[in-house]
Amino acid sequence: MRTTLTLDDDLAARLADLANLERKAFKVVVNETIRRGLLETRPVAAKPFKVRPFATKLKPGIDPRGFNKLYDDLETDDYLRKLSPKR
């Protein structure tokens, strides 16, 4: 594939030096360098972690059954706001 690539001056100089040193075409050195970089940046499997739950209580005066009503109220407000004409 043919494409235009803009390189920072310092990278272009390093790639040109490497091409001269290895007696390879500039595009070959660019492709090899990109391939090596992509191989090194493969995602590493994340270490598994454990979630440690702990008991918690709501503060006095908060009714856990009221959360659904609060959500419904907020959802209704949002819906009505979307329906109202913009000023």
PDB file of N, CA and C in Angstrom:
ATOM      1  N   MET A   1       0.848  -1.177   0.000  1.00  0.00           N
ATOM      2  CA  MET A   1       0.000   0.000   0.000  1.00  0.00           C
ATOM      3  C   MET A   1       0.887   1.232   0.000  1.00  0.00           C
ATOM      4  N   ARG A   2       0.509   2.197  -0.735  1.00  0.00           N
ATOM      5  CA  ARG A   2       1.269   3.434  -0.813  1.00  0.00           C
ATOM      6  C   ARG A   2       0.511   4.485  -0.018  1.00  0.00           C
ATOM      7  N   THR A   3       1.227   5.177   0.877  1.00  0.00           N
ATOM      8  CA  THR A   3       0.593   6.206   1.690  1.00  0.00           C
ATOM      9  C   THR A   3       1.613   7.283   2.023  1.00  0.00           C
ATOM     10  N   THR A   4       1.123   8.419   2.439  1.00  0.00           N
ATOM     11  CA  THR A   4       1.999   9.508   2.867  1.00  0.00           C
ATOM     12  C   THR A   4       2.069   9.485   4.380  1.00  0.00           C
ATOM     13  N   LEU A   5       3.273   9.590   4.898  1.00  0.00           N
ATOM     14  CA  LEU A   5       3.489   9.540   6.336  1.00  0.00           C
ATOM     15  C   LEU A   5       4.354  10.719   6.731  1.00  0.00           C
ATOM     16  N   THR A   6       3.925  11.489   7.713  1.00  0.00           N
ATOM     17  CA  THR A   6       4.708  12.616   8.196  1.00  0.00           C
ATOM     18  C   THR A   6       5.456  12.185   9.442  1.00  0.00           C
ATOM     19  N   LEU A   7       6.767  12.259   9.384  1.00  0.00           N
ATOM     20  CA  LEU A   7       7.620  11.855  10.503  1.00  0.00           C
ATOM     21  C   LEU A   7       8.219  13.084  11.174  1.00  0.00           C
ATOM     22  N   ASP A   8       8.417  12.995  12.465  1.00  0.00           N
ATOM     23  CA  ASP A   8       9.159  14.047  13.159  1.00  0.00           C
ATOM     24  C   ASP A   8      10.597  14.017  12.652  1.00  0.00           C
ATOM     25  N   ASP A   9      11.229  15.187  12.659  1.00  0.00           N
ATOM     26  CA  ASP A   9      12.583  15.293  12.109  1.00  0.00           C
ATOM     27  C   ASP A   9      13.567  14.342  12.779  1.00  0.00           C
ATOM     28  N   ASP A  10      13.463  14.220  14.107  1.00  0.00           N
ATOM     29  CA  ASP A  10      14.419  13.355  14.809  1.00  0.00           C
ATOM     30  C   ASP A  10      14.217  11.887  14.437  1.00  0.00           C
ATOM     31  N   LEU A  11      12.965  11.463  14.241  1.00  0.00           N
ATOM     32  CA  LEU A  11      12.708  10.082  13.844  1.00  0.00           C
ATOM     33  C   LEU A  11      13.177   9.809  12.420  1.00  0.00           C
ATOM     34  N   ALA A  12      12.932  10.761  11.537  1.00  0.00           N
ATOM     35  CA  ALA A  12      13.364  10.594  10.149  1.00  0.00           C
ATOM     36  C   ALA A  12      14.883  10.470  10.083  1.00  0.00           C
ATOM     37  N   ALA A  13      15.580  11.265  10.885  1.00  0.00           N
ATOM     38  CA  ALA A  13      17.049  11.205  10.895  1.00  0.00           C
ATOM     39  C   ALA A  13      17.535   9.859  11.427  1.00  0.00           C
ATOM     40  N   ARG A  14      16.918   9.391  12.500  1.00  0.00           N
ATOM     41  CA  ARG A  14      17.327   8.090  13.063  1.00  0.00           C
ATOM     42  C   ARG A  14      17.056   6.953  12.084  1.00  0.00           C
ATOM     43  N   LEU A  15      15.908   6.995  11.418  1.00  0.00           N
ATOM     44  CA  LEU A  15      15.584   5.956  10.436  1.00  0.00           C
ATOM     45  C   LEU A  15      16.549   6.004   9.245  1.00  0.00           C
ATOM     46  N   ALA A  16      16.892   7.210   8.800  1.00  0.00           N
ATOM     47  CA  ALA A  16      17.835   7.347   7.687  1.00  0.00           C
ATOM     48  C   ALA A  16      19.208   6.818   8.085  1.00  0.00           C
ATOM     49  N   ASP A  17      19.641   7.131   9.322  1.00  0.00           N
ATOM     50  CA  ASP A  17      20.925   6.611   9.812  1.00  0.00           C
ATOM     51  C   ASP A  17      20.902   5.089   9.842  1.00  0.00           C
ATOM     52  N   LEU A  18      19.816   4.532  10.319  1.00  0.00           N
ATOM     53  CA  LEU A  18      19.687   3.080  10.401  1.00  0.00           C
ATOM     54  C   LEU A  18      19.689   2.451   9.006  1.00  0.00           C
ATOM     55  N   ALA A  19      19.016   3.092   8.061  1.00  0.00           N
ATOM     56  CA  ALA A  19      18.989   2.592   6.686  1.00  0.00           C
ATOM     57  C   ALA A  19      20.395   2.594   6.090  1.00  0.00           C
ATOM     58  N   ASN A  20      21.142   3.668   6.343  1.00  0.00           N
ATOM     59  CA  ASN A  20      22.518   3.736   5.839  1.00  0.00           C
ATOM     60  C   ASN A  20      23.400   2.692   6.512  1.00  0.00           C
ATOM     61  N   LEU A  21      23.247   2.539   7.816  1.00  0.00           N
ATOM     62  CA  LEU A  21      24.060   1.591   8.574  1.00  0.00           C
ATOM     63  C   LEU A  21      23.816   0.157   8.114  1.00  0.00           C
ATOM     64  N   GLU A  22      22.544  -0.187   7.908  1.00  0.00           N
ATOM     65  CA  GLU A  22      22.185  -1.551   7.517  1.00  0.00           C
ATOM     66  C   GLU A  22      22.177  -1.743   6.000  1.00  0.00           C
ATOM     67  N   ARG A  23      22.446  -0.662   5.266  1.00  0.00           N
ATOM     68  CA  ARG A  23      22.455  -0.705   3.798  1.00  0.00           C
ATOM     69  C   ARG A  23      21.142  -1.267   3.242  1.00  0.00           C
ATOM     70  N   LYS A  24      20.055  -0.712   3.771  1.00  0.00           N
ATOM     71  CA  LYS A  24      18.719  -1.096   3.329  1.00  0.00           C
ATOM     72  C   LYS A  24      17.983   0.142   2.850  1.00  0.00           C
ATOM     73  N   ALA A  25      16.945  -0.086   2.089  1.00  0.00           N
ATOM     74  CA  ALA A  25      16.104   1.032   1.637  1.00  0.00           C
ATOM     75  C   ALA A  25      15.377   1.639   2.835  1.00  0.00           C
ATOM     76  N   PHE A  26      15.151   2.934   2.751  1.00  0.00           N
ATOM     77  CA  PHE A  26      14.483   3.645   3.847  1.00  0.00           C
ATOM     78  C   PHE A  26      13.132   3.015   4.166  1.00  0.00           C
ATOM     79  N   LYS A  27      12.338   2.705   3.129  1.00  0.00           N
ATOM     80  CA  LYS A  27      11.002   2.149   3.375  1.00  0.00           C
ATOM     81  C   LYS A  27      11.079   0.781   4.042  1.00  0.00           C
ATOM     82  N   VAL A  28      12.126   0.005   3.751  1.00  0.00           N
ATOM     83  CA  VAL A  28      12.292  -1.307   4.394  1.00  0.00           C
ATOM     84  C   VAL A  28      12.556  -1.111   5.886  1.00  0.00           C
ATOM     85  N   VAL A  29      13.417  -0.165   6.215  1.00  0.00           N
ATOM     86  CA  VAL A  29      13.727   0.112   7.621  1.00  0.00           C
ATOM     87  C   VAL A  29      12.493   0.620   8.356  1.00  0.00           C
ATOM     88  N   VAL A  30      11.715   1.487   7.721  1.00  0.00           N
ATOM     89  CA  VAL A  30      10.486   2.005   8.348  1.00  0.00           C
ATOM     90  C   VAL A  30       9.519   0.853   8.617  1.00  0.00           C
ATOM     91  N   ASN A  31       9.304  -0.017   7.643  1.00  0.00           N
ATOM     92  CA  ASN A  31       8.387  -1.143   7.821  1.00  0.00           C
ATOM     93  C   ASN A  31       8.868  -2.097   8.919  1.00  0.00           C
ATOM     94  N   GLU A  32      10.158  -2.415   8.917  1.00  0.00           N
ATOM     95  CA  GLU A  32      10.697  -3.317   9.945  1.00  0.00           C
ATOM     96  C   GLU A  32      10.555  -2.706  11.338  1.00  0.00           C
ATOM     97  N   THR A  33      10.818  -1.415  11.444  1.00  0.00           N
ATOM     98  CA  THR A  33      10.730  -0.735  12.743  1.00  0.00           C
ATOM     99  C   THR A  33       9.289  -0.709  13.248  1.00  0.00           C
ATOM    100  N   ILE A  34       8.357  -0.432  12.365  1.00  0.00           N
ATOM    101  CA  ILE A  34       6.941  -0.434  12.759  1.00  0.00           C
ATOM    102  C   ILE A  34       6.511  -1.836  13.178  1.00  0.00           C
ATOM    103  N   ARG A  35       6.943  -2.855  12.426  1.00  0.00           N
ATOM    104  CA  ARG A  35       6.592  -4.237  12.792  1.00  0.00           C
ATOM    105  C   ARG A  35       7.125  -4.596  14.177  1.00  0.00           C
ATOM    106  N   ARG A  36       8.395  -4.255  14.432  1.00  0.00           N
ATOM    107  CA  ARG A  36       8.967  -4.551  15.759  1.00  0.00           C
ATOM    108  C   ARG A  36       8.193  -3.824  16.853  1.00  0.00           C
ATOM    109  N   GLY A  37       7.860  -2.579  16.596  1.00  0.00           N
ATOM    110  CA  GLY A  37       7.113  -1.801  17.585  1.00  0.00           C
ATOM    111  C   GLY A  37       5.744  -2.392  17.867  1.00  0.00           C
ATOM    112  N   LEU A  38       5.083  -2.857  16.827  1.00  0.00           N
ATOM    113  CA  LEU A  38       3.752  -3.457  17.017  1.00  0.00           C
ATOM    114  C   LEU A  38       3.838  -4.778  17.767  1.00  0.00           C
ATOM    115  N   LEU A  39       4.880  -5.548  17.523  1.00  0.00           N
ATOM    116  CA  LEU A  39       5.043  -6.816  18.243  1.00  0.00           C
ATOM    117  C   LEU A  39       5.288  -6.576  19.728  1.00  0.00           C
ATOM    118  N   GLU A  40       6.029  -5.523  20.044  1.00  0.00           N
ATOM    119  CA  GLU A  40       6.362  -5.237  21.442  1.00  0.00           C
ATOM    120  C   GLU A  40       5.185  -4.656  22.207  1.00  0.00           C
ATOM    121  N   THR A  41       4.203  -4.128  21.510  1.00  0.00           N
ATOM    122  CA  THR A  41       3.089  -3.482  22.198  1.00  0.00           C
ATOM    123  C   THR A  41       1.847  -4.355  22.240  1.00  0.00           C
ATOM    124  N   ARG A  42       2.014  -5.651  22.041  1.00  0.00           N
ATOM    125  CA  ARG A  42       0.849  -6.535  22.163  1.00  0.00           C
ATOM    126  C   ARG A  42       0.310  -6.450  23.582  1.00  0.00           C
ATOM    127  N   PRO A  43      -1.002  -6.474  23.711  1.00  0.00           N
ATOM    128  CA  PRO A  43      -1.567  -6.385  25.051  1.00  0.00           C
ATOM    129  C   PRO A  43      -1.124  -7.555  25.927  1.00  0.00           C
ATOM    130  N   VAL A  44      -0.711  -7.227  27.103  1.00  0.00           N
ATOM    131  CA  VAL A  44      -0.299  -8.247  28.057  1.00  0.00           C
ATOM    132  C   VAL A  44      -1.525  -8.644  28.865  1.00  0.00           C
ATOM    133  N   ALA A  45      -1.665  -9.922  29.119  1.00  0.00           N
ATOM    134  CA  ALA A  45      -2.814 -10.386  29.902  1.00  0.00           C
ATOM    135  C   ALA A  45      -2.778  -9.719  31.272  1.00  0.00           C
ATOM    136  N   ALA A  46      -3.866  -9.116  31.614  1.00  0.00           N
ATOM    137  CA  ALA A  46      -3.952  -8.445  32.904  1.00  0.00           C
ATOM    138  C   ALA A  46      -3.994  -9.466  34.028  1.00  0.00           C
ATOM    139  N   LYS A  47      -3.370  -9.098  35.118  1.00  0.00           N
ATOM    140  CA  LYS A  47      -3.405  -9.996  36.275  1.00  0.00           C
ATOM    141  C   LYS A  47      -4.819 -10.049  36.822  1.00  0.00           C
ATOM    142  N   PRO A  48      -5.289 -11.230  37.148  1.00  0.00           N
ATOM    143  CA  PRO A  48      -6.637 -11.308  37.721  1.00  0.00           C
ATOM    144  C   PRO A  48      -6.665 -10.621  39.093  1.00  0.00           C
ATOM    145  N   PHE A  49      -7.784 -10.090  39.412  1.00  0.00           N
ATOM    146  CA  PHE A  49      -7.926  -9.455  40.709  1.00  0.00           C
ATOM    147  C   PHE A  49      -9.213  -9.928  41.354  1.00  0.00           C
ATOM    148  N   LYS A  50      -9.240  -9.808  42.628  1.00  0.00           N
ATOM    149  CA  LYS A  50     -10.430 -10.219  43.369  1.00  0.00           C
ATOM    150  C   LYS A  50     -11.092  -8.990  43.961  1.00  0.00           C
ATOM    151  N   VAL A  51     -12.390  -8.996  43.899  1.00  0.00           N
ATOM    152  CA  VAL A  51     -13.164  -7.940  44.527  1.00  0.00           C
ATOM    153  C   VAL A  51     -13.582  -8.453  45.897  1.00  0.00           C
ATOM    154  N   ARG A  52     -13.226  -7.714  46.886  1.00  0.00           N
ATOM    155  CA  ARG A  52     -13.587  -8.125  48.247  1.00  0.00           C
ATOM    156  C   ARG A  52     -14.784  -7.301  48.719  1.00  0.00           C
ATOM    157  N   PRO A  53     -15.940  -7.902  48.726  1.00  0.00           N
ATOM    158  CA  PRO A  53     -17.117  -7.165  49.180  1.00  0.00           C
ATOM    159  C   PRO A  53     -17.095  -6.963  50.688  1.00  0.00           C
ATOM    160  N   PHE A  54     -17.756  -5.939  51.107  1.00  0.00           N
ATOM    161  CA  PHE A  54     -17.877  -5.719  52.539  1.00  0.00           C
ATOM    162  C   PHE A  54     -19.278  -5.196  52.820  1.00  0.00           C
ATOM    163  N   ALA A  55     -19.725  -5.469  54.005  1.00  0.00           N
ATOM    164  CA  ALA A  55     -21.070  -5.060  54.396  1.00  0.00           C
ATOM    165  C   ALA A  55     -21.093  -3.551  54.611  1.00  0.00           C
ATOM    166  N   THR A  56     -22.136  -2.951  54.145  1.00  0.00           N
ATOM    167  CA  THR A  56     -22.294  -1.519  54.347  1.00  0.00           C
ATOM    168  C   THR A  56     -23.763  -1.237  54.649  1.00  0.00           C
ATOM    169  N   LYS A  57     -23.989  -0.156  55.278  1.00  0.00           N
ATOM    170  CA  LYS A  57     -25.366   0.215  55.617  1.00  0.00           C
ATOM    171  C   LYS A  57     -25.641   1.609  55.103  1.00  0.00           C
ATOM    172  N   LEU A  58     -26.907   1.834  54.801  1.00  0.00           N
ATOM    173  CA  LEU A  58     -27.313   3.169  54.397  1.00  0.00           C
ATOM    174  C   LEU A  58     -27.388   4.062  55.621  1.00  0.00           C
ATOM    175  N   LYS A  59     -27.212   5.333  55.399  1.00  0.00           N
ATOM    176  CA  LYS A  59     -27.309   6.270  56.511  1.00  0.00           C
ATOM    177  C   LYS A  59     -28.750   6.293  57.011  1.00  0.00           C
ATOM    178  N   PRO A  60     -28.930   6.592  58.268  1.00  0.00           N
ATOM    179  CA  PRO A  60     -30.285   6.647  58.825  1.00  0.00           C
ATOM    180  C   PRO A  60     -31.159   7.634  58.056  1.00  0.00           C
ATOM    181  N   GLY A  61     -32.373   7.245  57.798  1.00  0.00           N
ATOM    182  CA  GLY A  61     -33.325   8.103  57.106  1.00  0.00           C
ATOM    183  C   GLY A  61     -33.383   7.867  55.607  1.00  0.00           C
ATOM    184  N   ILE A  62     -32.495   7.052  55.058  1.00  0.00           N
ATOM    185  CA  ILE A  62     -32.529   6.766  53.618  1.00  0.00           C
ATOM    186  C   ILE A  62     -33.270   5.463  53.410  1.00  0.00           C
ATOM    187  N   ASP A  63     -34.325   5.534  52.613  1.00  0.00           N
ATOM    188  CA  ASP A  63     -35.153   4.363  52.341  1.00  0.00           C
ATOM    189  C   ASP A  63     -34.659   3.682  51.068  1.00  0.00           C
ATOM    190  N   PRO A  64     -34.148   2.461  51.146  1.00  0.00           N
ATOM    191  CA  PRO A  64     -33.622   1.803  49.949  1.00  0.00           C
ATOM    192  C   PRO A  64     -34.687   1.569  48.882  1.00  0.00           C
ATOM    193  N   ARG A  65     -35.944   1.520  49.275  1.00  0.00           N
ATOM    194  CA  ARG A  65     -37.010   1.328  48.292  1.00  0.00           C
ATOM    195  C   ARG A  65     -37.243   2.591  47.482  1.00  0.00           C
ATOM    196  N   GLY A  66     -36.716   3.721  47.940  1.00  0.00           N
ATOM    197  CA  GLY A  66     -36.912   4.997  47.246  1.00  0.00           C
ATOM    198  C   GLY A  66     -35.985   5.198  46.060  1.00  0.00           C
ATOM    199  N   PHE A  67     -34.967   4.349  45.908  1.00  0.00           N
ATOM    200  CA  PHE A  67     -34.020   4.520  44.806  1.00  0.00           C
ATOM    201  C   PHE A  67     -34.706   4.380  43.445  1.00  0.00           C
ATOM    202  N   ASN A  68     -35.593   3.419  43.307  1.00  0.00           N
ATOM    203  CA  ASN A  68     -36.297   3.242  42.040  1.00  0.00           C
ATOM    204  C   ASN A  68     -37.164   4.452  41.723  1.00  0.00           C
ATOM    205  N   LYS A  69     -37.822   5.001  42.736  1.00  0.00           N
ATOM    206  CA  LYS A  69     -38.653   6.186  42.514  1.00  0.00           C
ATOM    207  C   LYS A  69     -37.781   7.361  42.101  1.00  0.00           C
ATOM    208  N   LEU A  70     -36.642   7.519  42.738  1.00  0.00           N
ATOM    209  CA  LEU A  70     -35.729   8.599  42.381  1.00  0.00           C
ATOM    210  C   LEU A  70     -35.265   8.448  40.932  1.00  0.00           C
ATOM    211  N   TYR A  71     -34.906   7.233  40.550  1.00  0.00           N
ATOM    212  CA  TYR A  71     -34.476   6.977  39.170  1.00  0.00           C
ATOM    213  C   TYR A  71     -35.602   7.313  38.192  1.00  0.00           C
ATOM    214  N   ASP A  72     -36.817   6.881  38.501  1.00  0.00           N
ATOM    215  CA  ASP A  72     -37.960   7.177  37.632  1.00  0.00           C
ATOM    216  C   ASP A  72     -38.174   8.676  37.496  1.00  0.00           C
ATOM    217  N   ASP A  73     -38.063   9.397  38.616  1.00  0.00           N
ATOM    218  CA  ASP A  73     -38.240  10.848  38.580  1.00  0.00           C
ATOM    219  C   ASP A  73     -37.180  11.511  37.704  1.00  0.00           C
ATOM    220  N   LEU A  74     -35.934  11.087  37.858  1.00  0.00           N
ATOM    221  CA  LEU A  74     -34.850  11.664  37.061  1.00  0.00           C
ATOM    222  C   LEU A  74     -35.021  11.337  35.582  1.00  0.00           C
ATOM    223  N   GLU A  75     -35.439  10.121  35.290  1.00  0.00           N
ATOM    224  CA  GLU A  75     -35.653   9.712  33.908  1.00  0.00           C
ATOM    225  C   GLU A  75     -36.795  10.518  33.283  1.00  0.00           C
ATOM    226  N   THR A  76     -37.860  10.753  34.052  1.00  0.00           N
ATOM    227  CA  THR A  76     -38.994  11.538  33.562  1.00  0.00           C
ATOM    228  C   THR A  76     -38.558  12.971  33.289  1.00  0.00           C
ATOM    229  N   ASP A  77     -37.800  13.557  34.216  1.00  0.00           N
ATOM    230  CA  ASP A  77     -37.311  14.924  34.024  1.00  0.00           C
ATOM    231  C   ASP A  77     -36.458  15.031  32.761  1.00  0.00           C
ATOM    232  N   ASP A  78     -35.598  14.058  32.556  1.00  0.00           N
ATOM    233  CA  ASP A  78     -34.730  14.055  31.377  1.00  0.00           C
ATOM    234  C   ASP A  78     -35.552  13.955  30.098  1.00  0.00           C
ATOM    235  N   TYR A  79     -36.552  13.093  30.113  1.00  0.00           N
ATOM    236  CA  TYR A  79     -37.421  12.918  28.947  1.00  0.00           C
ATOM    237  C   TYR A  79     -38.172  14.212  28.635  1.00  0.00           C
ATOM    238  N   LEU A  80     -38.720  14.854  29.662  1.00  0.00           N
ATOM    239  CA  LEU A  80     -39.461  16.097  29.454  1.00  0.00           C
ATOM    240  C   LEU A  80     -38.536  17.206  28.958  1.00  0.00           C
ATOM    241  N   ARG A  81     -37.307  17.225  29.443  1.00  0.00           N
ATOM    242  CA  ARG A  81     -36.340  18.225  28.994  1.00  0.00           C
ATOM    243  C   ARG A  81     -36.037  18.052  27.504  1.00  0.00           C
ATOM    244  N   LYS A  82     -35.989  16.815  27.043  1.00  0.00           N
ATOM    245  CA  LYS A  82     -35.722  16.550  25.631  1.00  0.00           C
ATOM    246  C   LYS A  82     -36.902  16.953  24.760  1.00  0.00           C
ATOM    247  N   LEU A  83     -38.116  16.874  25.287  1.00  0.00           N
ATOM    248  CA  LEU A  83     -39.310  17.223  24.531  1.00  0.00           C
ATOM    249  C   LEU A  83     -39.526  18.725  24.420  1.00  0.00           C
ATOM    250  N   SER A  84     -39.104  19.465  25.420  1.00  0.00           N
ATOM    251  CA  SER A  84     -39.371  20.893  25.444  1.00  0.00           C
ATOM    252  C   SER A  84     -38.550  21.598  24.365  1.00  0.00           C
ATOM    253  N   PRO A  85     -39.166  22.616  23.753  1.00  0.00           N
ATOM    254  CA  PRO A  85     -38.452  23.358  22.695  1.00  0.00           C
ATOM    255  C   PRO A  85     -37.256  24.101  23.294  1.00  0.00           C
ATOM    256  N   LYS A  86     -36.195  24.157  22.513  1.00  0.00           N
ATOM    257  CA  LYS A  86     -34.994  24.863  22.980  1.00  0.00           C
ATOM    258  C   LYS A  86     -35.219  26.345  22.876  1.00  0.00           C
ATOM    259  N   ARG A  87     -34.722  27.062  23.846  1.00  0.00           N
ATOM    260  CA  ARG A  87     -34.917  28.522  23.871  1.00  0.00           C
ATOM    261  C   ARG A  87     -33.679  29.214  23.402  1.00  0.00           C
TER     262      ARG A  87
END
